[in-house]
């Protein structure tokens, strides 16, 4: 049986955070490290083991700027009007709003944008099973990429804002109509020392035994 350092593994899993405000916009990204992280991510499970994914790594400043401009437009149209910089003493919602607003304003300066794609598209009336199959076939790999990036000193965030204008981004990047973009990850070195575990509901409040609402057994 394989032996793991459970403490260190748990620390990675519980302290890998969505990073928006603590992305270092000036430090270079080592693409060889990113490729190594992606090799790790490609070991993730996928539906029917199809591995029907493609990954676009955007470093060209002009292309990055075009994609960021579309993201910012979608953000300005769709985000809450209260998404402004939060004052000192901000609560959790204020921090979230401030961080999403910050990312929208600086996305063009983030050194690397990663767009994960699936080699398939859903019909407008696709059932839940097909939607779960499409997105569930790549999201484990996206999370694995974020974990692998964290171990190499990079922060990231899974965002979906630009998908409001997916076709426009596809035109910029030459993505075929038969391919689905599932998100966008800004990637950069993170600033500050490290990250801690977030506050979460007790497992007993969000888990049931056998039937909905039945208390979790010991």
C-alpha atoms as a PDB file:
ATOM      1  CA  UNK A   1       0.000   0.000   0.000  1.00  0.00           C
ATOM      2  CA  UNK A   2       1.305   3.422  -0.972  1.00  0.00           C
ATOM      3  CA  UNK A   3       2.342   5.615   1.925  1.00  0.00           C
ATOM      4  CA  UNK A   4       1.559   9.335   1.960  1.00  0.00           C
ATOM      5  CA  UNK A   5       2.361  12.157   4.305  1.00  0.00           C
ATOM      6  CA  UNK A   6      -1.264  12.676   5.303  1.00  0.00           C
ATOM      7  CA  UNK A   7      -0.567  15.885   7.192  1.00  0.00           C
ATOM      8  CA  UNK A   8       1.204  17.522   4.268  1.00  0.00           C
ATOM      9  CA  UNK A   9      -1.403  16.280   1.791  1.00  0.00           C
ATOM     10  CA  UNK A  10      -4.201  17.643   3.953  1.00  0.00           C
ATOM     11  CA  UNK A  11      -2.383  20.961   4.298  1.00  0.00           C
ATOM     12  CA  UNK A  12      -2.188  21.292   0.501  1.00  0.00           C
ATOM     13  CA  UNK A  13      -5.844  20.405   0.051  1.00  0.00           C
ATOM     14  CA  UNK A  14      -7.132  22.686   2.811  1.00  0.00           C
ATOM     15  CA  UNK A  15      -4.993  25.741   2.110  1.00  0.00           C
ATOM     16  CA  UNK A  16      -5.120  25.989  -1.687  1.00  0.00           C
ATOM     17  CA  UNK A  17      -7.237  29.091  -2.084  1.00  0.00           C
ATOM     18  CA  UNK A  18      -8.753  31.061  -4.938  1.00  0.00           C
ATOM     19  CA  UNK A  19      -6.196  33.821  -5.489  1.00  0.00           C
ATOM     20  CA  UNK A  20      -7.315  37.106  -7.035  1.00  0.00           C
ATOM     21  CA  UNK A  21      -5.778  39.986  -5.095  1.00  0.00           C
ATOM     22  CA  UNK A  22      -2.504  38.313  -4.146  1.00  0.00           C
ATOM     23  CA  UNK A  23      -1.334  37.569  -7.681  1.00  0.00           C
ATOM     24  CA  UNK A  24       2.105  39.038  -8.353  1.00  0.00           C
ATOM     25  CA  UNK A  25       1.692  40.987 -11.587  1.00  0.00           C
ATOM     26  CA  UNK A  26       5.411  41.632 -12.033  1.00  0.00           C
ATOM     27  CA  UNK A  27       7.123  38.312 -11.271  1.00  0.00           C
ATOM     28  CA  UNK A  28       7.818  36.129 -14.325  1.00  0.00           C
ATOM     29  CA  UNK A  29       6.083  32.781 -14.765  1.00  0.00           C
ATOM     30  CA  UNK A  30       8.329  29.814 -15.500  1.00  0.00           C
ATOM     31  CA  UNK A  31       6.457  27.998 -18.258  1.00  0.00           C
ATOM     32  CA  UNK A  32       8.462  24.833 -17.684  1.00  0.00           C
ATOM     33  CA  UNK A  33       7.020  24.717 -14.166  1.00  0.00           C
ATOM     34  CA  UNK A  34       3.539  25.303 -15.536  1.00  0.00           C
ATOM     35  CA  UNK A  35       4.009  22.477 -18.050  1.00  0.00           C
ATOM     36  CA  UNK A  36       5.125  20.186 -15.229  1.00  0.00           C
ATOM     37  CA  UNK A  37       2.022  21.153 -13.250  1.00  0.00           C
ATOM     38  CA  UNK A  38      -0.131  20.446 -16.301  1.00  0.00           C
ATOM     39  CA  UNK A  39       1.475  17.012 -16.705  1.00  0.00           C
ATOM     40  CA  UNK A  40       0.378  16.279 -13.152  1.00  0.00           C
ATOM     41  CA  UNK A  41      -3.131  17.555 -13.884  1.00  0.00           C
ATOM     42  CA  UNK A  42      -3.484  15.287 -16.907  1.00  0.00           C
ATOM     43  CA  UNK A  43      -3.394  12.303 -14.552  1.00  0.00           C
ATOM     44  CA  UNK A  44      -6.819  13.332 -13.229  1.00  0.00           C
ATOM     45  CA  UNK A  45      -9.780  11.050 -13.933  1.00  0.00           C
ATOM     46  CA  UNK A  46     -12.070  11.930 -16.833  1.00  0.00           C
ATOM     47  CA  UNK A  47     -15.408  10.639 -18.047  1.00  0.00           C
ATOM     48  CA  UNK A  48     -14.944   7.265 -19.810  1.00  0.00           C
ATOM     49  CA  UNK A  49     -11.201   8.013 -19.582  1.00  0.00           C
ATOM     50  CA  UNK A  50     -11.606  10.089 -22.749  1.00  0.00           C
ATOM     51  CA  UNK A  51      -9.276  12.902 -21.672  1.00  0.00           C
ATOM     52  CA  UNK A  52     -11.237  15.071 -24.086  1.00  0.00           C
ATOM     53  CA  UNK A  53      -9.537  18.238 -22.960  1.00  0.00           C
ATOM     54  CA  UNK A  54      -7.349  20.936 -24.435  1.00  0.00           C
ATOM     55  CA  UNK A  55      -5.540  23.743 -22.606  1.00  0.00           C
ATOM     56  CA  UNK A  56      -4.660  27.161 -24.017  1.00  0.00           C
ATOM     57  CA  UNK A  57      -1.848  28.984 -22.212  1.00  0.00           C
ATOM     58  CA  UNK A  58      -1.911  32.702 -23.021  1.00  0.00           C
ATOM     59  CA  UNK A  59       1.207  34.753 -22.407  1.00  0.00           C
ATOM     60  CA  UNK A  60       1.183  37.116 -25.401  1.00  0.00           C
ATOM     61  CA  UNK A  61       0.381  40.568 -23.943  1.00  0.00           C
ATOM     62  CA  UNK A  62      -1.811  41.580 -26.901  1.00  0.00           C
ATOM     63  CA  UNK A  63      -3.888  38.404 -26.812  1.00  0.00           C
ATOM     64  CA  UNK A  64      -4.059  38.557 -23.030  1.00  0.00           C
ATOM     65  CA  UNK A  65      -5.297  42.127 -23.272  1.00  0.00           C
ATOM     66  CA  UNK A  66      -8.042  41.215 -25.731  1.00  0.00           C
ATOM     67  CA  UNK A  67      -9.298  38.362 -23.577  1.00  0.00           C
ATOM     68  CA  UNK A  68      -9.076  40.513 -20.449  1.00  0.00           C
ATOM     69  CA  UNK A  69     -11.082  43.238 -22.166  1.00  0.00           C
ATOM     70  CA  UNK A  70     -13.910  40.803 -22.874  1.00  0.00           C
ATOM     71  CA  UNK A  71     -13.739  39.512 -19.305  1.00  0.00           C
ATOM     72  CA  UNK A  72     -13.957  43.066 -17.966  1.00  0.00           C
ATOM     73  CA  UNK A  73     -16.920  43.858 -20.197  1.00  0.00           C
ATOM     74  CA  UNK A  74     -18.754  40.781 -18.973  1.00  0.00           C
ATOM     75  CA  UNK A  75     -17.892  41.672 -15.397  1.00  0.00           C
ATOM     76  CA  UNK A  76     -19.120  45.248 -15.742  1.00  0.00           C
ATOM     77  CA  UNK A  77     -22.390  44.052 -17.267  1.00  0.00           C
ATOM     78  CA  UNK A  78     -23.070  41.106 -14.990  1.00  0.00           C
ATOM     79  CA  UNK A  79     -21.438  41.772 -11.635  1.00  0.00           C
ATOM     80  CA  UNK A  80     -23.132  43.376  -8.676  1.00  0.00           C
ATOM     81  CA  UNK A  81     -22.913  47.191  -8.662  1.00  0.00           C
ATOM     82  CA  UNK A  82     -21.611  46.890  -5.094  1.00  0.00           C
ATOM     83  CA  UNK A  83     -18.444  45.243  -6.385  1.00  0.00           C
ATOM     84  CA  UNK A  84     -16.107  47.997  -5.272  1.00  0.00           C
ATOM     85  CA  UNK A  85     -13.016  48.068  -3.150  1.00  0.00           C
ATOM     86  CA  UNK A  86     -13.981  47.113   0.390  1.00  0.00           C
ATOM     87  CA  UNK A  87     -12.918  49.251   3.343  1.00  0.00           C
ATOM     88  CA  UNK A  88     -10.784  48.138   6.246  1.00  0.00           C
ATOM     89  CA  UNK A  89     -12.692  45.757   8.480  1.00  0.00           C
ATOM     90  CA  UNK A  90     -14.429  44.190   5.485  1.00  0.00           C
ATOM     91  CA  UNK A  91     -16.486  41.062   6.042  1.00  0.00           C
ATOM     92  CA  UNK A  92     -16.345  37.908   3.914  1.00  0.00           C
ATOM     93  CA  UNK A  93     -18.758  39.200   1.264  1.00  0.00           C
ATOM     94  CA  UNK A  94     -16.956  42.525   1.045  1.00  0.00           C
ATOM     95  CA  UNK A  95     -13.662  40.713   0.576  1.00  0.00           C
ATOM     96  CA  UNK A  96     -15.135  38.551  -2.184  1.00  0.00           C
ATOM     97  CA  UNK A  97     -16.590  41.542  -4.010  1.00  0.00           C
ATOM     98  CA  UNK A  98     -13.377  43.508  -3.678  1.00  0.00           C
ATOM     99  CA  UNK A  99     -11.237  40.625  -4.912  1.00  0.00           C
ATOM    100  CA  UNK A 100     -13.430  39.897  -7.948  1.00  0.00           C
ATOM    101  CA  UNK A 101     -13.448  43.581  -8.836  1.00  0.00           C
ATOM    102  CA  UNK A 102      -9.672  43.768  -8.473  1.00  0.00           C
ATOM    103  CA  UNK A 103      -9.143  40.775 -10.746  1.00  0.00           C
ATOM    104  CA  UNK A 104     -11.371  42.244 -13.440  1.00  0.00           C
ATOM    105  CA  UNK A 105      -9.317  45.452 -13.396  1.00  0.00           C
ATOM    106  CA  UNK A 106      -5.866  43.833 -13.563  1.00  0.00           C
ATOM    107  CA  UNK A 107      -6.500  40.666 -15.579  1.00  0.00           C
ATOM    108  CA  UNK A 108      -4.590  42.019 -18.575  1.00  0.00           C
ATOM    109  CA  UNK A 109      -1.505  42.312 -16.338  1.00  0.00           C
ATOM    110  CA  UNK A 110      -1.603  38.745 -15.033  1.00  0.00           C
ATOM    111  CA  UNK A 111       1.373  37.014 -16.708  1.00  0.00           C
ATOM    112  CA  UNK A 112      -0.458  33.807 -17.647  1.00  0.00           C
ATOM    113  CA  UNK A 113      -4.072  33.000 -18.484  1.00  0.00           C
ATOM    114  CA  UNK A 114      -5.088  29.367 -18.887  1.00  0.00           C
ATOM    115  CA  UNK A 115      -8.317  28.419 -20.663  1.00  0.00           C
ATOM    116  CA  UNK A 116      -9.362  24.766 -20.242  1.00  0.00           C
ATOM    117  CA  UNK A 117     -11.516  23.388 -23.049  1.00  0.00           C
ATOM    118  CA  UNK A 118     -13.543  20.247 -23.760  1.00  0.00           C
ATOM    119  CA  UNK A 119     -13.754  18.652 -27.209  1.00  0.00           C
ATOM    120  CA  UNK A 120     -17.550  18.655 -27.186  1.00  0.00           C
ATOM    121  CA  UNK A 121     -20.560  20.946 -26.938  1.00  0.00           C
ATOM    122  CA  UNK A 122     -23.899  20.606 -25.189  1.00  0.00           C
ATOM    123  CA  UNK A 123     -27.181  20.937 -27.016  1.00  0.00           C
ATOM    124  CA  UNK A 124     -29.376  23.750 -25.645  1.00  0.00           C
ATOM    125  CA  UNK A 125     -31.776  21.172 -24.200  1.00  0.00           C
ATOM    126  CA  UNK A 126     -29.078  18.801 -22.912  1.00  0.00           C
ATOM    127  CA  UNK A 127     -30.142  16.860 -19.797  1.00  0.00           C
ATOM    128  CA  UNK A 128     -28.361  17.260 -16.475  1.00  0.00           C
ATOM    129  CA  UNK A 129     -26.509  13.977 -17.010  1.00  0.00           C
ATOM    130  CA  UNK A 130     -24.834  15.270 -20.165  1.00  0.00           C
ATOM    131  CA  UNK A 131     -23.919  18.592 -18.561  1.00  0.00           C
ATOM    132  CA  UNK A 132     -22.420  16.785 -15.579  1.00  0.00           C
ATOM    133  CA  UNK A 133     -20.549  14.498 -17.945  1.00  0.00           C
ATOM    134  CA  UNK A 134     -19.039  17.368 -19.928  1.00  0.00           C
ATOM    135  CA  UNK A 135     -17.955  19.594 -17.044  1.00  0.00           C
ATOM    136  CA  UNK A 136     -17.226  16.707 -14.682  1.00  0.00           C
ATOM    137  CA  UNK A 137     -14.848  15.284 -17.256  1.00  0.00           C
ATOM    138  CA  UNK A 138     -12.426  18.207 -16.938  1.00  0.00           C
ATOM    139  CA  UNK A 139     -12.963  19.949 -13.603  1.00  0.00           C
ATOM    140  CA  UNK A 140     -10.977  17.331 -11.642  1.00  0.00           C
ATOM    141  CA  UNK A 141      -8.026  18.111 -13.917  1.00  0.00           C
ATOM    142  CA  UNK A 142      -8.538  21.848 -13.436  1.00  0.00           C
ATOM    143  CA  UNK A 143      -8.390  21.427  -9.653  1.00  0.00           C
ATOM    144  CA  UNK A 144      -5.353  19.159  -9.958  1.00  0.00           C
ATOM    145  CA  UNK A 145      -3.666  21.878 -12.004  1.00  0.00           C
ATOM    146  CA  UNK A 146      -4.412  24.445  -9.309  1.00  0.00           C
ATOM    147  CA  UNK A 147      -2.991  22.149  -6.631  1.00  0.00           C
ATOM    148  CA  UNK A 148       0.129  21.410  -8.664  1.00  0.00           C
ATOM    149  CA  UNK A 149       0.608  25.130  -9.339  1.00  0.00           C
ATOM    150  CA  UNK A 150       0.316  25.843  -5.619  1.00  0.00           C
ATOM    151  CA  UNK A 151       3.140  23.437  -4.813  1.00  0.00           C
ATOM    152  CA  UNK A 152       5.295  25.354  -7.287  1.00  0.00           C
ATOM    153  CA  UNK A 153       4.575  28.751  -5.746  1.00  0.00           C
ATOM    154  CA  UNK A 154       1.758  29.924  -8.023  1.00  0.00           C
ATOM    155  CA  UNK A 155      -1.720  31.169  -7.229  1.00  0.00           C
ATOM    156  CA  UNK A 156      -4.737  30.735  -9.477  1.00  0.00           C
ATOM    157  CA  UNK A 157      -8.505  31.152  -9.591  1.00  0.00           C
ATOM    158  CA  UNK A 158     -11.142  29.320 -11.605  1.00  0.00           C
ATOM    159  CA  UNK A 159     -13.298  32.024 -13.201  1.00  0.00           C
ATOM    160  CA  UNK A 160     -16.172  31.764 -15.676  1.00  0.00           C
ATOM    161  CA  UNK A 161     -17.078  35.415 -16.291  1.00  0.00           C
ATOM    162  CA  UNK A 162     -15.784  35.524 -19.864  1.00  0.00           C
ATOM    163  CA  UNK A 163     -18.063  32.659 -20.899  1.00  0.00           C
ATOM    164  CA  UNK A 164     -20.832  35.216 -21.346  1.00  0.00           C
ATOM    165  CA  UNK A 165     -18.905  36.056 -24.522  1.00  0.00           C
ATOM    166  CA  UNK A 166     -17.370  32.658 -25.190  1.00  0.00           C
ATOM    167  CA  UNK A 167     -17.748  32.988 -28.967  1.00  0.00           C
ATOM    168  CA  UNK A 168     -15.771  36.243 -29.031  1.00  0.00           C
ATOM    169  CA  UNK A 169     -12.912  34.690 -27.084  1.00  0.00           C
ATOM    170  CA  UNK A 170     -13.062  31.626 -29.339  1.00  0.00           C
ATOM    171  CA  UNK A 171     -12.652  33.875 -32.379  1.00  0.00           C
ATOM    172  CA  UNK A 172      -9.578  35.542 -30.862  1.00  0.00           C
ATOM    173  CA  UNK A 173      -7.963  32.210 -29.962  1.00  0.00           C
ATOM    174  CA  UNK A 174      -9.062  30.213 -33.012  1.00  0.00           C
ATOM    175  CA  UNK A 175     -11.087  27.737 -30.955  1.00  0.00           C
ATOM    176  CA  UNK A 176     -13.410  25.611 -33.150  1.00  0.00           C
ATOM    177  CA  UNK A 177     -17.178  25.869 -32.719  1.00  0.00           C
ATOM    178  CA  UNK A 178     -17.284  22.226 -31.598  1.00  0.00           C
ATOM    179  CA  UNK A 179     -15.141  22.972 -28.521  1.00  0.00           C
ATOM    180  CA  UNK A 180     -16.402  24.281 -25.164  1.00  0.00           C
ATOM    181  CA  UNK A 181     -14.423  26.619 -22.937  1.00  0.00           C
ATOM    182  CA  UNK A 182     -15.125  25.774 -19.299  1.00  0.00           C
ATOM    183  CA  UNK A 183     -13.367  28.617 -17.522  1.00  0.00           C
ATOM    184  CA  UNK A 184     -10.318  30.831 -17.281  1.00  0.00           C
ATOM    185  CA  UNK A 185      -7.510  30.650 -14.746  1.00  0.00           C
ATOM    186  CA  UNK A 186      -5.277  33.657 -14.060  1.00  0.00           C
ATOM    187  CA  UNK A 187      -1.909  32.292 -12.945  1.00  0.00           C
ATOM    188  CA  UNK A 188       0.923  34.162 -11.229  1.00  0.00           C
ATOM    189  CA  UNK A 189       3.291  33.920  -8.312  1.00  0.00           C
ATOM    190  CA  UNK A 190       1.364  34.758  -5.171  1.00  0.00           C
ATOM    191  CA  UNK A 191       2.366  37.519  -2.813  1.00  0.00           C
ATOM    192  CA  UNK A 192       2.624  37.169   0.934  1.00  0.00           C
ATOM    193  CA  UNK A 193       3.779  34.216   2.945  1.00  0.00           C
ATOM    194  CA  UNK A 194       1.184  31.484   2.647  1.00  0.00           C
ATOM    195  CA  UNK A 195      -2.509  30.620   2.962  1.00  0.00           C
ATOM    196  CA  UNK A 196      -4.521  29.063   5.748  1.00  0.00           C
ATOM    197  CA  UNK A 197      -7.604  26.901   5.886  1.00  0.00           C
ATOM    198  CA  UNK A 198     -10.890  28.733   5.280  1.00  0.00           C
ATOM    199  CA  UNK A 199     -13.874  28.740   7.575  1.00  0.00           C
ATOM    200  CA  UNK A 200     -16.294  26.040   6.509  1.00  0.00           C
ATOM    201  CA  UNK A 201     -19.519  24.545   7.856  1.00  0.00           C
ATOM    202  CA  UNK A 202     -19.070  21.452  10.051  1.00  0.00           C
ATOM    203  CA  UNK A 203     -19.217  18.234   8.042  1.00  0.00           C
ATOM    204  CA  UNK A 204     -22.216  17.164  10.146  1.00  0.00           C
ATOM    205  CA  UNK A 205     -24.234  20.097   8.775  1.00  0.00           C
ATOM    206  CA  UNK A 206     -23.652  19.314   5.116  1.00  0.00           C
ATOM    207  CA  UNK A 207     -23.602  15.487   5.059  1.00  0.00           C
ATOM    208  CA  UNK A 208     -26.354  12.930   5.504  1.00  0.00           C
ATOM    209  CA  UNK A 209     -26.492   9.181   6.053  1.00  0.00           C
ATOM    210  CA  UNK A 210     -28.542   7.129   3.571  1.00  0.00           C
ATOM    211  CA  UNK A 211     -31.364   9.677   3.124  1.00  0.00           C
ATOM    212  CA  UNK A 212     -31.635  13.469   2.786  1.00  0.00           C
ATOM    213  CA  UNK A 213     -31.726  15.082   6.186  1.00  0.00           C
ATOM    214  CA  UNK A 214     -30.677  11.997   8.134  1.00  0.00           C
ATOM    215  CA  UNK A 215     -27.872  12.823  10.619  1.00  0.00           C
ATOM    216  CA  UNK A 216     -24.414  11.658   9.707  1.00  0.00           C
ATOM    217  CA  UNK A 217     -23.540   8.565  11.712  1.00  0.00           C
ATOM    218  CA  UNK A 218     -20.280   8.302  13.602  1.00  0.00           C
END
